[in-house]
Protein backbone atom coordinates (compact mmCIF):
# COMPACT_ATOMS: atom_id res chain seq x y z
CA GLY A 1 101.89 -204.49 -63.26
CA ARG A 2 104.13 -207.45 -64.36
CA GLN A 3 103.07 -207.25 -67.77
CA ILE A 4 103.73 -203.23 -68.03
CA GLN A 5 107.19 -203.93 -66.63
CA GLU A 6 107.96 -206.83 -68.92
CA GLU A 7 107.12 -204.23 -71.86
CA VAL A 8 109.17 -201.43 -70.44
CA ARG A 9 112.16 -204.01 -70.24
CA LYS A 10 111.52 -205.06 -74.01
CA ALA A 11 111.39 -201.41 -74.95
CA GLU A 12 114.57 -200.49 -73.00
CA LYS A 13 116.39 -203.50 -74.64
CA ALA A 14 115.14 -202.51 -78.11
CA TRP A 15 116.31 -199.11 -77.45
CA SER A 16 119.70 -200.34 -76.25
CA ASN A 17 120.04 -202.36 -79.53
CA ALA A 18 118.76 -199.58 -81.88
CA GLU A 19 122.30 -198.01 -82.13
CA GLU A 20 123.85 -201.26 -83.29
CA VAL A 21 120.90 -202.16 -85.48
CA ALA A 22 121.07 -198.49 -87.21
CA LEU A 23 124.90 -199.12 -87.59
CA ARG A 24 124.31 -202.33 -89.11
CA ALA A 25 121.69 -200.91 -91.44
CA ALA A 26 123.84 -198.24 -92.56
CA ALA A 27 126.71 -200.48 -93.29
CA SER A 28 124.34 -202.59 -95.30
CA ALA A 29 122.98 -199.74 -97.09
CA TYR A 30 126.53 -198.53 -97.86
CA SER A 31 127.68 -201.84 -99.04
CA ALA A 32 124.61 -202.10 -101.13
CA ALA A 33 125.10 -198.72 -102.74
CA CYS A 34 128.65 -199.41 -103.46
CA ARG A 35 127.87 -202.43 -105.19
CA GLY A 36 125.35 -200.64 -107.14
CA VAL A 37 127.67 -197.89 -108.17
CA ASP A 38 130.11 -200.67 -109.28
CA THR A 39 127.55 -202.79 -111.17
CA ALA A 40 126.37 -199.58 -112.74
CA ILE A 41 129.90 -198.35 -113.71
CA GLN A 42 131.20 -201.59 -115.09
CA PRO A 43 129.20 -201.22 -118.53
CA LEU A 44 130.75 -197.80 -118.84
CA ILE A 45 134.13 -198.86 -118.21
CA SER A 46 133.66 -201.61 -120.80
CA GLU A 47 132.50 -199.26 -123.33
CA LEU A 48 135.31 -196.62 -122.83
CA THR A 49 137.79 -199.47 -123.22
CA ALA A 50 136.22 -200.50 -126.30
CA ALA A 51 136.13 -196.79 -127.84
CA THR A 52 139.71 -196.21 -126.57
CA LYS A 53 140.68 -199.52 -128.56
CA ALA A 54 138.88 -198.42 -131.55
CA ALA A 55 140.57 -194.82 -131.22
CA ASP A 56 143.91 -196.29 -131.03
CA ALA A 57 143.39 -198.47 -133.99
CA SER A 58 142.22 -195.35 -135.88
CA ILE A 59 145.25 -193.54 -134.87
CA GLN A 60 147.47 -196.34 -136.03
CA GLU A 61 145.83 -196.26 -139.55
CA LEU A 62 146.14 -192.54 -139.69
CA LYS A 63 149.81 -192.84 -139.07
CA ARG A 64 150.22 -195.39 -141.61
CA ALA A 65 148.14 -193.85 -144.37
CA PRO A 66 150.87 -191.26 -145.47
CA VAL A 67 153.54 -194.20 -145.79
CA LEU A 68 150.92 -196.05 -147.79
CA ALA A 69 150.15 -193.41 -149.97
CA LYS A 70 153.86 -192.49 -150.67
CA ARG A 71 154.14 -196.21 -151.66
CA TYR A 72 151.05 -196.14 -154.08
CA VAL A 73 152.59 -193.19 -155.72
CA MET A 74 155.75 -194.62 -156.27
CA VAL A 75 154.33 -197.84 -157.67
CA VAL A 76 151.95 -195.90 -159.89
CA ALA A 77 154.87 -193.57 -160.95
CA THR A 78 157.07 -196.63 -161.58
CA ALA A 79 154.36 -198.15 -163.77
CA PHE A 80 153.82 -195.08 -165.80
CA PHE A 81 157.65 -195.02 -166.41
CA ILE A 82 157.87 -198.53 -167.39
CA LEU A 83 154.90 -197.84 -169.81
CA ALA A 84 156.68 -194.92 -171.30
CA LEU A 85 159.94 -196.86 -172.06
CA ILE A 86 157.69 -199.63 -173.75
CA CYS A 87 156.05 -197.13 -175.68
CA VAL A 88 159.22 -195.37 -176.91
CA TYR A 89 160.93 -198.83 -177.67
CA SER A 90 157.73 -200.00 -179.64
CA THR A 91 157.78 -196.60 -181.55
CA MET A 92 161.58 -196.97 -182.49
CA ARG A 93 160.93 -200.49 -183.72
CA LEU A 94 158.00 -199.30 -185.66
CA ILE A 95 160.18 -196.54 -187.28
CA ASP A 96 163.08 -198.91 -187.87
CA ALA A 97 160.56 -201.40 -189.44
CA ALA A 98 159.08 -198.87 -191.77
CA GLY A 99 162.55 -197.52 -192.65
CA SER A 100 163.78 -200.82 -193.67
CA VAL A 101 160.31 -201.58 -195.86
CA SER A 102 160.85 -198.11 -197.66
CA ALA A 103 164.57 -199.05 -198.19
CA GLN A 104 163.75 -202.46 -199.67
CA GLU A 105 161.30 -200.61 -201.97
CA LYS A 106 163.91 -198.24 -203.27
CA VAL A 107 166.15 -201.26 -204.06
CA ASN A 108 163.47 -202.98 -205.96
């Protein structure tokens, strides 16, 4: 009889603690789930941050591209203009030199 009563008391005590145990288990499960989600999301956040930085860098390069293209065109155009001036000057000097040679031949 006593053994049965002791077992009944243990069962009653276990049942009275069951709600507290269930709450603790639920809180632990919730905490573990939150940590798991946080751990799983961190690499994704890192990847998104890296992708955003790369996209920002690309946008900055694209914004600079027209300015660089204008500068390049101006430099090339200036170089061709200077080359044309050199060619005209050289041609005029050659014509003057050829004219002075033919004038010398006429004198002789």
